[in-house]
PDB file of all heavy atoms in Angstrom:
ATOM      1  N   PRO A   1     104.895 107.015  90.401  1.00  0.00           N
ATOM      2  CA  PRO A   1     105.010 105.749  91.154  1.00  0.00           C
ATOM      3  C   PRO A   1     103.797 104.839  91.021  1.00  0.00           C
ATOM      4  O   PRO A   1     103.945 103.608  90.979  1.00  0.00           O
ATOM      5  CB  PRO A   1     105.191 106.219  92.597  1.00  0.00           C
ATOM      6  CG  PRO A   1     105.732 107.609  92.480  1.00  0.00           C
ATOM      7  CD  PRO A   1     105.124 108.182  91.249  1.00  0.00           C
ATOM      8  N   ARG A   2     102.582 105.426  90.952  1.00  0.00           N
ATOM      9  CA  ARG A   2     101.400 104.549  90.841  1.00  0.00           C
ATOM     10  C   ARG A   2     101.408 103.810  89.495  1.00  0.00           C
ATOM     11  O   ARG A   2     101.101 102.612  89.429  1.00  0.00           O
ATOM     12  CB  ARG A   2     100.124 105.364  90.995  1.00  0.00           C
ATOM     13  CG  ARG A   2      99.912 105.921  92.392  1.00  0.00           C
ATOM     14  CD  ARG A   2      98.477 106.335  92.611  1.00  0.00           C
ATOM     15  NE  ARG A   2      98.276 106.916  93.940  1.00  0.00           N
ATOM     16  CZ  ARG A   2      97.090 107.144  94.474  1.00  0.00           C
ATOM     17  NH1 ARG A   2      95.986 106.839  93.798  1.00  0.00           N
ATOM     18  NH2 ARG A   2      96.989 107.655  95.690  1.00  0.00           N
ATOM     19  N   LEU A   3     101.747 104.520  88.418  1.00  0.00           N
ATOM     20  CA  LEU A   3     101.791 103.873  87.105  1.00  0.00           C
ATOM     21  C   LEU A   3     102.885 102.815  87.076  1.00  0.00           C
ATOM     22  O   LEU A   3     102.709 101.735  86.488  1.00  0.00           O
ATOM     23  CB  LEU A   3     102.027 104.922  86.007  1.00  0.00           C
ATOM     24  CG  LEU A   3     100.943 105.985  85.835  1.00  0.00           C
ATOM     25  CD1 LEU A   3     101.309 106.931  84.695  1.00  0.00           C
ATOM     26  CD2 LEU A   3      99.583 105.346  85.568  1.00  0.00           C
ATOM     27  N   ALA A   4     104.011 103.097  87.732  1.00  0.00           N
ATOM     28  CA  ALA A   4     105.098 102.118  87.787  1.00  0.00           C
ATOM     29  C   ALA A   4     104.661 100.861  88.537  1.00  0.00           C
ATOM     30  O   ALA A   4     104.992  99.736  88.144  1.00  0.00           O
ATOM     31  CB  ALA A   4     106.328 102.741  88.449  1.00  0.00           C
ATOM     32  N   ALA A   5     103.902 101.042  89.621  1.00  0.00           N
ATOM     33  CA  ALA A   5     103.433  99.893  90.403  1.00  0.00           C
ATOM     34  C   ALA A   5     102.483  99.025  89.583  1.00  0.00           C
ATOM     35  O   ALA A   5     102.563  97.789  89.610  1.00  0.00           O
ATOM     36  CB  ALA A   5     102.752 100.387  91.680  1.00  0.00           C
ATOM     37  N   ILE A   6     101.574  99.654  88.864  1.00  0.00           N
ATOM     38  CA  ILE A   6     100.629  98.904  88.023  1.00  0.00           C
ATOM     39  C   ILE A   6     101.390  98.166  86.926  1.00  0.00           C
ATOM     40  O   ILE A   6     101.129  96.992  86.631  1.00  0.00           O
ATOM     41  CB  ILE A   6      99.581  99.848  87.404  1.00  0.00           C
ATOM     42  CG1 ILE A   6      98.758 100.530  88.506  1.00  0.00           C
ATOM     43  CG2 ILE A   6      98.666  99.083  86.453  1.00  0.00           C
ATOM     44  CD1 ILE A   6      97.857 101.639  88.000  1.00  0.00           C
ATOM     45  N   LEU A   7     102.351  98.847  86.315  1.00  0.00           N
ATOM     46  CA  LEU A   7     103.108  98.281  85.207  1.00  0.00           C
ATOM     47  C   LEU A   7     103.912  97.054  85.621  1.00  0.00           C
ATOM     48  O   LEU A   7     104.114  96.128  84.831  1.00  0.00           O
ATOM     49  CB  LEU A   7     104.043  99.360  84.647  1.00  0.00           C
ATOM     50  CG  LEU A   7     104.588  99.183  83.231  1.00  0.00           C
ATOM     51  CD1 LEU A   7     103.460  99.134  82.218  1.00  0.00           C
ATOM     52  CD2 LEU A   7     105.537 100.327  82.894  1.00  0.00           C
ATOM     53  N   GLY A   8     104.356  97.034  86.879  1.00  0.00           N
ATOM     54  CA  GLY A   8     105.212  95.945  87.329  1.00  0.00           C
ATOM     55  C   GLY A   8     104.478  94.760  87.913  1.00  0.00           C
ATOM     56  O   GLY A   8     105.114  93.822  88.404  1.00  0.00           O
ATOM     57  N   SER A   9     103.145  94.767  87.881  1.00  0.00           N
ATOM     58  CA  SER A   9     102.385  93.679  88.506  1.00  0.00           C
ATOM     59  C   SER A   9     101.559  92.924  87.469  1.00  0.00           C
ATOM     60  O   SER A   9     101.001  93.521  86.545  1.00  0.00           O
ATOM     61  CB  SER A   9     101.461  94.253  89.587  1.00  0.00           C
ATOM     62  OG  SER A   9     100.614  93.246  90.105  1.00  0.00           O
ATOM     63  N   ARG A  10     101.480  91.591  87.632  1.00  0.00           N
ATOM     64  CA  ARG A  10     100.606  90.787  86.777  1.00  0.00           C
ATOM     65  C   ARG A  10      99.178  90.773  87.294  1.00  0.00           C
ATOM     66  O   ARG A  10      98.274  90.281  86.613  1.00  0.00           O
ATOM     67  CB  ARG A  10     101.135  89.347  86.704  1.00  0.00           C
ATOM     68  CG  ARG A  10     102.474  89.179  86.030  1.00  0.00           C
ATOM     69  CD  ARG A  10     102.422  89.550  84.548  1.00  0.00           C
ATOM     70  NE  ARG A  10     101.529  88.711  83.789  1.00  0.00           N
ATOM     71  CZ  ARG A  10     101.922  87.684  83.010  1.00  0.00           C
ATOM     72  NH1 ARG A  10     103.215  87.407  82.912  1.00  0.00           N
ATOM     73  NH2 ARG A  10     101.064  86.963  82.344  1.00  0.00           N
ATOM     74  N   ARG A  11      98.952  91.300  88.514  1.00  0.00           N
ATOM     75  CA  ARG A  11      97.620  91.323  89.130  1.00  0.00           C
ATOM     76  C   ARG A  11      97.123  92.756  89.193  1.00  0.00           C
ATOM     77  O   ARG A  11      97.922  93.703  89.212  1.00  0.00           O
ATOM     78  CB  ARG A  11      97.689  90.750  90.551  1.00  0.00           C
ATOM     79  CG  ARG A  11      98.260  89.344  90.640  1.00  0.00           C
ATOM     80  CD  ARG A  11      97.237  88.291  90.360  1.00  0.00           C
ATOM     81  NE  ARG A  11      96.189  88.274  91.362  1.00  0.00           N
ATOM     82  CZ  ARG A  11      95.091  87.511  91.292  1.00  0.00           C
ATOM     83  NH1 ARG A  11      94.923  86.711  90.260  1.00  0.00           N
ATOM     84  NH2 ARG A  11      94.184  87.544  92.241  1.00  0.00           N
ATOM     85  N   PRO A  12      95.817  92.975  89.236  1.00  0.00           N
ATOM     86  CA  PRO A  12      95.295  94.337  89.381  1.00  0.00           C
ATOM     87  C   PRO A  12      95.805  94.981  90.677  1.00  0.00           C
ATOM     88  O   PRO A  12      95.989  94.313  91.697  1.00  0.00           O
ATOM     89  CB  PRO A  12      93.784  94.131  89.425  1.00  0.00           C
ATOM     90  CG  PRO A  12      93.545  92.826  88.730  1.00  0.00           C
ATOM     91  CD  PRO A  12      94.734  91.978  89.068  1.00  0.00           C
ATOM     92  N   ILE A  13      96.049  96.261  90.644  1.00  0.00           N
ATOM     93  CA  ILE A  13      96.539  97.025  91.793  1.00  0.00           C
ATOM     94  C   ILE A  13      95.462  98.023  92.214  1.00  0.00           C
ATOM     95  O   ILE A  13      94.922  98.759  91.378  1.00  0.00           O
ATOM     96  CB  ILE A  13      97.836  97.783  91.448  1.00  0.00           C
ATOM     97  CG1 ILE A  13      98.947  96.809  91.079  1.00  0.00           C
ATOM     98  CG2 ILE A  13      98.276  98.676  92.607  1.00  0.00           C
ATOM     99  CD1 ILE A  13      99.450  95.975  92.229  1.00  0.00           C
ATOM    100  N   ARG A  14      95.154  98.043  93.549  1.00  0.00           N
ATOM    101  CA  ARG A  14      94.191  99.000  94.098  1.00  0.00           C
ATOM    102  C   ARG A  14      94.941  99.903  95.082  1.00  0.00           C
ATOM    103  O   ARG A  14      95.741  99.422  95.902  1.00  0.00           O
ATOM    104  CB  ARG A  14      93.054  98.283  94.818  1.00  0.00           C
ATOM    105  CG  ARG A  14      92.253  97.336  93.930  1.00  0.00           C
ATOM    106  CD  ARG A  14      91.323  96.476  94.756  1.00  0.00           C
ATOM    107  NE  ARG A  14      90.675  95.445  93.969  1.00  0.00           N
ATOM    108  CZ  ARG A  14      89.410  95.508  93.537  1.00  0.00           C
ATOM    109  NH1 ARG A  14      88.672  96.573  93.814  1.00  0.00           N
ATOM    110  NH2 ARG A  14      88.888  94.521  92.837  1.00  0.00           N
ATOM    111  N   PHE A  15      94.680 101.189  95.017  1.00  0.00           N
ATOM    112  CA  PHE A  15      95.322 102.152  95.917  1.00  0.00           C
ATOM    113  C   PHE A  15      94.289 102.680  96.905  1.00  0.00           C
ATOM    114  O   PHE A  15      93.178 103.087  96.503  1.00  0.00           O
ATOM    115  CB  PHE A  15      95.919 103.317  95.118  1.00  0.00           C
ATOM    116  CG  PHE A  15      96.987 102.893  94.147  1.00  0.00           C
ATOM    117  CD1 PHE A  15      96.675 102.631  92.817  1.00  0.00           C
ATOM    118  CD2 PHE A  15      98.291 102.729  94.568  1.00  0.00           C
ATOM    119  CE1 PHE A  15      97.648 102.234  91.927  1.00  0.00           C
ATOM    120  CE2 PHE A  15      99.275 102.323  93.675  1.00  0.00           C
ATOM    121  CZ  PHE A  15      98.956 102.078  92.356  1.00  0.00           C
ATOM    122  N   ALA A  16      94.663 102.679  98.178  1.00  0.00           N
ATOM    123  CA  ALA A  16      93.764 103.187  99.214  1.00  0.00           C
ATOM    124  C   ALA A  16      93.585 104.698  99.066  1.00  0.00           C
ATOM    125  O   ALA A  16      94.421 105.384  98.467  1.00  0.00           O
ATOM    126  CB  ALA A  16      94.325 102.849 100.603  1.00  0.00           C
ATOM    127  N   ALA A  17      92.487 105.210  99.636  1.00  0.00           N
ATOM    128  CA  ALA A  17      92.196 106.635  99.517  1.00  0.00           C
ATOM    129  C   ALA A  17      93.286 107.480 100.154  1.00  0.00           C
ATOM    130  O   ALA A  17      93.553 108.607  99.722  1.00  0.00           O
ATOM    131  CB  ALA A  17      90.842 106.946 100.151  1.00  0.00           C
ATOM    132  N   ASP A  18      93.945 106.935 101.209  1.00  0.00           N
ATOM    133  CA  ASP A  18      94.989 107.707 101.886  1.00  0.00           C
ATOM    134  C   ASP A  18      96.390 107.295 101.434  1.00  0.00           C
ATOM    135  O   ASP A  18      97.374 107.573 102.131  1.00  0.00           O
ATOM    136  CB  ASP A  18      94.860 107.556 103.394  1.00  0.00           C
ATOM    137  CG  ASP A  18      94.920 106.094 103.827  1.00  0.00           C
ATOM    138  OD1 ASP A  18      94.942 105.216 102.920  1.00  0.00           O
ATOM    139  OD2 ASP A  18      94.946 105.839 105.040  1.00  0.00           O
ATOM    140  N   ASP A  19      96.498 106.612 100.284  1.00  0.00           N
ATOM    141  CA  ASP A  19      97.803 106.185  99.796  1.00  0.00           C
ATOM    142  C   ASP A  19      98.676 107.419  99.545  1.00  0.00           C
ATOM    143  O   ASP A  19      98.252 108.376  98.881  1.00  0.00           O
ATOM    144  CB  ASP A  19      97.643 105.388  98.496  1.00  0.00           C
ATOM    145  CG  ASP A  19      98.913 104.637  98.134  1.00  0.00           C
ATOM    146  OD1 ASP A  19      99.942 105.302  97.886  1.00  0.00           O
ATOM    147  OD2 ASP A  19      98.871 103.396  98.096  1.00  0.00           O
ATOM    148  N   PRO A  20      99.894 107.432 100.070  1.00  0.00           N
ATOM    149  CA  PRO A  20     100.752 108.625  99.932  1.00  0.00           C
ATOM    150  C   PRO A  20     101.297 108.830  98.520  1.00  0.00           C
ATOM    151  O   PRO A  20     101.762 109.932  98.196  1.00  0.00           O
ATOM    152  CB  PRO A  20     101.886 108.335 100.920  1.00  0.00           C
ATOM    153  CG  PRO A  20     101.959 106.843 100.994  1.00  0.00           C
ATOM    154  CD  PRO A  20     100.530 106.367 100.880  1.00  0.00           C
ATOM    155  N   LEU A  21     101.250 107.805  97.660  1.00  0.00           N
ATOM    156  CA  LEU A  21     101.781 107.962  96.293  1.00  0.00           C
ATOM    157  C   LEU A  21     100.900 108.933  95.507  1.00  0.00           C
ATOM    158  O   LEU A  21      99.672 108.812  95.511  1.00  0.00           O
ATOM    159  CB  LEU A  21     101.829 106.615  95.573  1.00  0.00           C
ATOM    160  CG  LEU A  21     102.769 105.551  96.169  1.00  0.00           C
ATOM    161  CD1 LEU A  21     102.668 104.259  95.361  1.00  0.00           C
ATOM    162  CD2 LEU A  21     104.205 106.062  96.179  1.00  0.00           C
ATOM    163  N   PRO A  22     101.511 109.912  94.836  1.00  0.00           N
ATOM    164  CA  PRO A  22     100.711 110.900  94.101  1.00  0.00           C
ATOM    165  C   PRO A  22      99.974 110.277  92.917  1.00  0.00           C
ATOM    166  O   PRO A  22     100.499 109.393  92.239  1.00  0.00           O
ATOM    167  CB  PRO A  22     101.753 111.910  93.634  1.00  0.00           C
ATOM    168  CG  PRO A  22     103.031 111.127  93.569  1.00  0.00           C
ATOM    169  CD  PRO A  22     102.964 110.135  94.675  1.00  0.00           C
ATOM    170  N   ASP A  23      98.755 110.779  92.718  1.00  0.00           N
ATOM    171  CA  ASP A  23      97.979 110.302  91.565  1.00  0.00           C
ATOM    172  C   ASP A  23      98.437 111.066  90.320  1.00  0.00           C
ATOM    173  O   ASP A  23      98.584 112.297  90.351  1.00  0.00           O
ATOM    174  CB  ASP A  23      96.481 110.532  91.796  1.00  0.00           C
ATOM    175  CG  ASP A  23      95.647 109.843  90.726  1.00  0.00           C
ATOM    176  OD1 ASP A  23      95.541 110.408  89.621  1.00  0.00           O
ATOM    177  OD2 ASP A  23      95.144 108.745  90.990  1.00  0.00           O
ATOM    178  N   PRO A  24      98.697 110.371  89.211  1.00  0.00           N
ATOM    179  CA  PRO A  24      99.235 111.044  88.024  1.00  0.00           C
ATOM    180  C   PRO A  24      98.262 112.031  87.384  1.00  0.00           C
ATOM    181  O   PRO A  24      98.673 112.854  86.569  1.00  0.00           O
ATOM    182  CB  PRO A  24      99.552 109.884  87.069  1.00  0.00           C
ATOM    183  CG  PRO A  24      98.687 108.760  87.525  1.00  0.00           C
ATOM    184  CD  PRO A  24      98.572 108.907  89.004  1.00  0.00           C
ATOM    185  N   PHE A  25      96.963 111.961  87.786  1.00  0.00           N
ATOM    186  CA  PHE A  25      95.979 112.813  87.119  1.00  0.00           C
ATOM    187  C   PHE A  25      95.471 113.953  88.002  1.00  0.00           C
ATOM    188  O   PHE A  25      94.553 114.671  87.598  1.00  0.00           O
ATOM    189  CB  PHE A  25      94.793 111.962  86.641  1.00  0.00           C
ATOM    190  CG  PHE A  25      95.208 110.781  85.817  1.00  0.00           C
ATOM    191  CD1 PHE A  25      94.813 109.499  86.166  1.00  0.00           C
ATOM    192  CD2 PHE A  25      96.013 110.942  84.702  1.00  0.00           C
ATOM    193  CE1 PHE A  25      95.201 108.400  85.416  1.00  0.00           C
ATOM    194  CE2 PHE A  25      96.409 109.845  83.939  1.00  0.00           C
ATOM    195  CZ  PHE A  25      96.004 108.581  84.303  1.00  0.00           C
ATOM    196  N   ASP A  26      96.064 114.126  89.180  1.00  0.00           N
ATOM    197  CA  ASP A  26      95.621 115.214  90.050  1.00  0.00           C
ATOM    198  C   ASP A  26      95.701 116.565  89.336  1.00  0.00           C
ATOM    199  O   ASP A  26      94.827 117.413  89.467  1.00  0.00           O
ATOM    200  CB  ASP A  26      96.478 115.258  91.323  1.00  0.00           C
ATOM    201  CG  ASP A  26      95.958 114.262  92.372  1.00  0.00           C
ATOM    202  OD1 ASP A  26      94.860 113.714  92.159  1.00  0.00           O
ATOM    203  OD2 ASP A  26      96.662 114.027  93.374  1.00  0.00           O
TER     204      ASP A  26
END
């Protein structure tokens, strides 16, 4: 989901430390 969110935006995307979306590199 995080990669999908970045891919769908023309602006930079920042994720909060407590963002529930899983990080693809965990």
